[in-house]
Amino acid sequence: MPNKRYRVDRLAQEIKREVDDILLKRVRDPRVQGVTITDVDVTGDLQQATIYYSILSEKASDGEKAQAGLDKATGLIRSLLGARLNIFKTPEISFKRDPSIAYGSRIDQLLNELHKKDHEF
């Protein structure tokens, strides 16, 4: 079984690299400019891949625009992935915003506030 997990992880890493390259060089939609791929989760049967991304903007409207742009480009990205990856069947892909970036930012903000309060006394 360890071989199967290795294959899934390797495919996830390859998808991450290729999707990042495709977004940078092939997708012309301005809504996906500044999107960074943070992680890829591939199912054990290699049929589905969830691609997690982050954007620099904190605005909800920018997040919605980026999601809409990625959803629109999903077909193009999947077809280009199929041409680049050496696998039998290209997984179905879906994009989700990575919540860990916002979570980490919030923790950092709270720590800074505590640090400021500590120095006031």
C-alpha atoms as a PDB file:
ATOM      1  CA  MET A   1       0.000   0.000   0.000  1.00  0.00           C
ATOM      2  CA  PRO A   2       2.796   2.536   0.574  1.00  0.00           C
ATOM      3  CA  ASN A   3       3.465   2.480  -3.199  1.00  0.00           C
ATOM      4  CA  LYS A   4      -0.085   3.645  -3.919  1.00  0.00           C
ATOM      5  CA  ARG A   5       0.188   6.587  -1.486  1.00  0.00           C
ATOM      6  CA  TYR A   6       3.508   7.508  -3.077  1.00  0.00           C
ATOM      7  CA  ARG A   7       1.889   7.546  -6.505  1.00  0.00           C
ATOM      8  CA  VAL A   8      -1.011   9.723  -5.292  1.00  0.00           C
ATOM      9  CA  ASP A   9       1.394  12.190  -3.649  1.00  0.00           C
ATOM     10  CA  ARG A  10       3.601  12.298  -6.722  1.00  0.00           C
ATOM     11  CA  LEU A  11       0.615  12.960  -8.986  1.00  0.00           C
ATOM     12  CA  ALA A  12      -0.630  15.710  -6.647  1.00  0.00           C
ATOM     13  CA  GLN A  13       2.785  17.377  -6.744  1.00  0.00           C
ATOM     14  CA  GLU A  14       2.891  17.131 -10.551  1.00  0.00           C
ATOM     15  CA  ILE A  15      -0.621  18.588 -10.881  1.00  0.00           C
ATOM     16  CA  LYS A  16       0.320  21.469  -8.579  1.00  0.00           C
ATOM     17  CA  ARG A  17       3.370  22.327 -10.670  1.00  0.00           C
ATOM     18  CA  GLU A  18       1.566  22.042 -13.999  1.00  0.00           C
ATOM     19  CA  VAL A  19      -1.550  23.997 -12.952  1.00  0.00           C
ATOM     20  CA  ASP A  20       0.656  26.777 -11.577  1.00  0.00           C
ATOM     21  CA  ASP A  21       2.463  26.911 -14.936  1.00  0.00           C
ATOM     22  CA  ILE A  22      -0.807  26.797 -16.918  1.00  0.00           C
ATOM     23  CA  LEU A  23      -2.303  29.646 -14.885  1.00  0.00           C
ATOM     24  CA  LEU A  24       0.810  31.716 -15.381  1.00  0.00           C
ATOM     25  CA  LYS A  25       1.330  31.112 -19.099  1.00  0.00           C
ATOM     26  CA  ARG A  26      -1.905  29.963 -20.742  1.00  0.00           C
ATOM     27  CA  VAL A  27      -4.949  31.338 -18.890  1.00  0.00           C
ATOM     28  CA  ARG A  28      -5.543  34.940 -19.975  1.00  0.00           C
ATOM     29  CA  ASP A  29      -8.486  35.671 -17.657  1.00  0.00           C
ATOM     30  CA  PRO A  30      -7.609  38.728 -15.502  1.00  0.00           C
ATOM     31  CA  ARG A  31      -9.638  37.276 -12.624  1.00  0.00           C
ATOM     32  CA  VAL A  32      -7.031  34.570 -12.047  1.00  0.00           C
ATOM     33  CA  GLN A  33      -4.027  36.890 -12.016  1.00  0.00           C
ATOM     34  CA  GLY A  34      -2.292  36.584  -8.667  1.00  0.00           C
ATOM     35  CA  VAL A  35      -3.755  33.161  -7.864  1.00  0.00           C
ATOM     36  CA  THR A  36      -1.239  30.876  -6.193  1.00  0.00           C
ATOM     37  CA  ILE A  37      -1.721  27.118  -6.004  1.00  0.00           C
ATOM     38  CA  THR A  38      -1.038  26.049  -2.426  1.00  0.00           C
ATOM     39  CA  ASP A  39      -1.950  22.362  -2.403  1.00  0.00           C
ATOM     40  CA  VAL A  40      -3.560  19.562  -4.381  1.00  0.00           C
ATOM     41  CA  ASP A  41      -5.528  16.698  -2.868  1.00  0.00           C
ATOM     42  CA  VAL A  42      -5.972  13.659  -5.144  1.00  0.00           C
ATOM     43  CA  THR A  43      -8.330  10.792  -4.293  1.00  0.00           C
ATOM     44  CA  GLY A  44      -6.856   7.303  -3.901  1.00  0.00           C
ATOM     45  CA  ASP A  45      -8.351   6.131  -7.199  1.00  0.00           C
ATOM     46  CA  LEU A  46      -6.785   9.133  -9.012  1.00  0.00           C
ATOM     47  CA  GLN A  47     -10.198  10.149 -10.415  1.00  0.00           C
ATOM     48  CA  GLN A  48     -10.637  13.518  -8.675  1.00  0.00           C
ATOM     49  CA  ALA A  49      -8.317  16.309  -7.653  1.00  0.00           C
ATOM     50  CA  THR A  50      -9.142  19.263  -5.434  1.00  0.00           C
ATOM     51  CA  ILE A  51      -6.817  22.167  -6.110  1.00  0.00           C
ATOM     52  CA  TYR A  52      -6.419  24.662  -3.274  1.00  0.00           C
ATOM     53  CA  TYR A  53      -5.426  28.228  -4.070  1.00  0.00           C
ATOM     54  CA  SER A  54      -4.830  31.535  -2.347  1.00  0.00           C
ATOM     55  CA  ILE A  55      -4.973  35.148  -3.454  1.00  0.00           C
ATOM     56  CA  LEU A  56      -3.313  38.186  -1.946  1.00  0.00           C
ATOM     57  CA  SER A  57      -6.482  40.257  -1.661  1.00  0.00           C
ATOM     58  CA  GLU A  58      -8.614  39.974   1.463  1.00  0.00           C
ATOM     59  CA  LYS A  59     -11.762  41.309  -0.255  1.00  0.00           C
ATOM     60  CA  ALA A  60     -14.593  38.799  -0.598  1.00  0.00           C
ATOM     61  CA  SER A  61     -15.436  40.154  -4.059  1.00  0.00           C
ATOM     62  CA  ASP A  62     -11.910  39.400  -5.306  1.00  0.00           C
ATOM     63  CA  GLY A  63     -12.196  35.860  -3.941  1.00  0.00           C
ATOM     64  CA  GLU A  64     -15.497  35.364  -5.751  1.00  0.00           C
ATOM     65  CA  LYS A  65     -14.043  36.732  -8.997  1.00  0.00           C
ATOM     66  CA  ALA A  66     -11.020  34.441  -8.732  1.00  0.00           C
ATOM     67  CA  GLN A  67     -13.274  31.423  -8.072  1.00  0.00           C
ATOM     68  CA  ALA A  68     -15.458  32.339 -11.062  1.00  0.00           C
ATOM     69  CA  GLY A  69     -12.388  32.710 -13.297  1.00  0.00           C
ATOM     70  CA  LEU A  70     -10.988  29.364 -12.169  1.00  0.00           C
ATOM     71  CA  ASP A  71     -14.353  27.646 -12.643  1.00  0.00           C
ATOM     72  CA  LYS A  72     -14.555  29.032 -16.179  1.00  0.00           C
ATOM     73  CA  ALA A  73     -10.994  27.902 -16.981  1.00  0.00           C
ATOM     74  CA  THR A  74     -11.419  24.397 -15.500  1.00  0.00           C
ATOM     75  CA  GLY A  75     -12.036  22.737 -18.888  1.00  0.00           C
ATOM     76  CA  LEU A  76      -8.968  24.343 -20.477  1.00  0.00           C
ATOM     77  CA  ILE A  77      -6.786  23.534 -17.471  1.00  0.00           C
ATOM     78  CA  ARG A  78      -7.937  19.900 -17.409  1.00  0.00           C
ATOM     79  CA  SER A  79      -7.326  19.411 -21.132  1.00  0.00           C
ATOM     80  CA  LEU A  80      -3.850  20.930 -20.879  1.00  0.00           C
ATOM     81  CA  LEU A  81      -3.140  18.744 -17.837  1.00  0.00           C
ATOM     82  CA  GLY A  82      -4.165  15.687 -19.849  1.00  0.00           C
ATOM     83  CA  ALA A  83      -1.660  16.601 -22.547  1.00  0.00           C
ATOM     84  CA  ARG A  84       1.159  17.225 -20.037  1.00  0.00           C
ATOM     85  CA  LEU A  85       0.698  14.354 -17.588  1.00  0.00           C
ATOM     86  CA  ASN A  86       1.601  10.802 -18.469  1.00  0.00           C
ATOM     87  CA  ILE A  87      -1.461   9.099 -16.962  1.00  0.00           C
ATOM     88  CA  PHE A  88      -4.285   6.997 -18.357  1.00  0.00           C
ATOM     89  CA  LYS A  89      -7.166   9.260 -17.308  1.00  0.00           C
ATOM     90  CA  THR A  90      -6.937  12.888 -16.284  1.00  0.00           C
ATOM     91  CA  PRO A  91      -8.686  13.448 -12.951  1.00  0.00           C
ATOM     92  CA  GLU A  92     -11.738  15.685 -12.660  1.00  0.00           C
ATOM     93  CA  ILE A  93     -10.542  18.913 -11.066  1.00  0.00           C
ATOM     94  CA  SER A  94     -12.204  21.413  -8.770  1.00  0.00           C
ATOM     95  CA  PHE A  95     -10.842  24.568  -7.183  1.00  0.00           C
ATOM     96  CA  LYS A  96     -11.269  25.626  -3.550  1.00  0.00           C
ATOM     97  CA  ARG A  97      -9.846  28.626  -1.771  1.00  0.00           C
ATOM     98  CA  ASP A  98      -7.285  27.572   0.821  1.00  0.00           C
ATOM     99  CA  PRO A  99      -8.612  28.628   4.241  1.00  0.00           C
ATOM    100  CA  SER A 100      -5.290  28.055   5.994  1.00  0.00           C
ATOM    101  CA  ILE A 101      -3.770  31.278   4.595  1.00  0.00           C
ATOM    102  CA  ALA A 102      -6.541  33.469   6.046  1.00  0.00           C
ATOM    103  CA  TYR A 103      -6.450  31.467   9.286  1.00  0.00           C
ATOM    104  CA  GLY A 104      -2.697  31.958   9.643  1.00  0.00           C
ATOM    105  CA  SER A 105      -3.056  35.653   8.895  1.00  0.00           C
ATOM    106  CA  ARG A 106      -5.734  35.990  11.596  1.00  0.00           C
ATOM    107  CA  ILE A 107      -3.543  34.207  14.168  1.00  0.00           C
ATOM    108  CA  ASP A 108      -0.650  36.508  13.267  1.00  0.00           C
ATOM    109  CA  GLN A 109      -2.889  39.537  13.720  1.00  0.00           C
ATOM    110  CA  LEU A 110      -4.066  38.313  17.140  1.00  0.00           C
ATOM    111  CA  LEU A 111      -0.494  37.651  18.268  1.00  0.00           C
ATOM    112  CA  ASN A 112       0.553  41.153  17.214  1.00  0.00           C
ATOM    113  CA  GLU A 113      -2.342  42.652  19.203  1.00  0.00           C
ATOM    114  CA  LEU A 114      -1.342  40.641  22.283  1.00  0.00           C
ATOM    115  CA  HIS A 115       2.266  41.734  21.839  1.00  0.00           C
ATOM    116  CA  LYS A 116       1.217  45.418  21.689  1.00  0.00           C
ATOM    117  CA  LYS A 117      -0.953  45.062  24.827  1.00  0.00           C
ATOM    118  CA  ASP A 118       1.915  43.356  26.644  1.00  0.00           C
ATOM    119  CA  HIS A 119       4.219  46.311  25.971  1.00  0.00           C
ATOM    120  CA  GLU A 120       1.628  48.875  27.121  1.00  0.00           C
ATOM    121  CA  PHE A 121       1.815  47.710  30.747  1.00  0.00           C
END
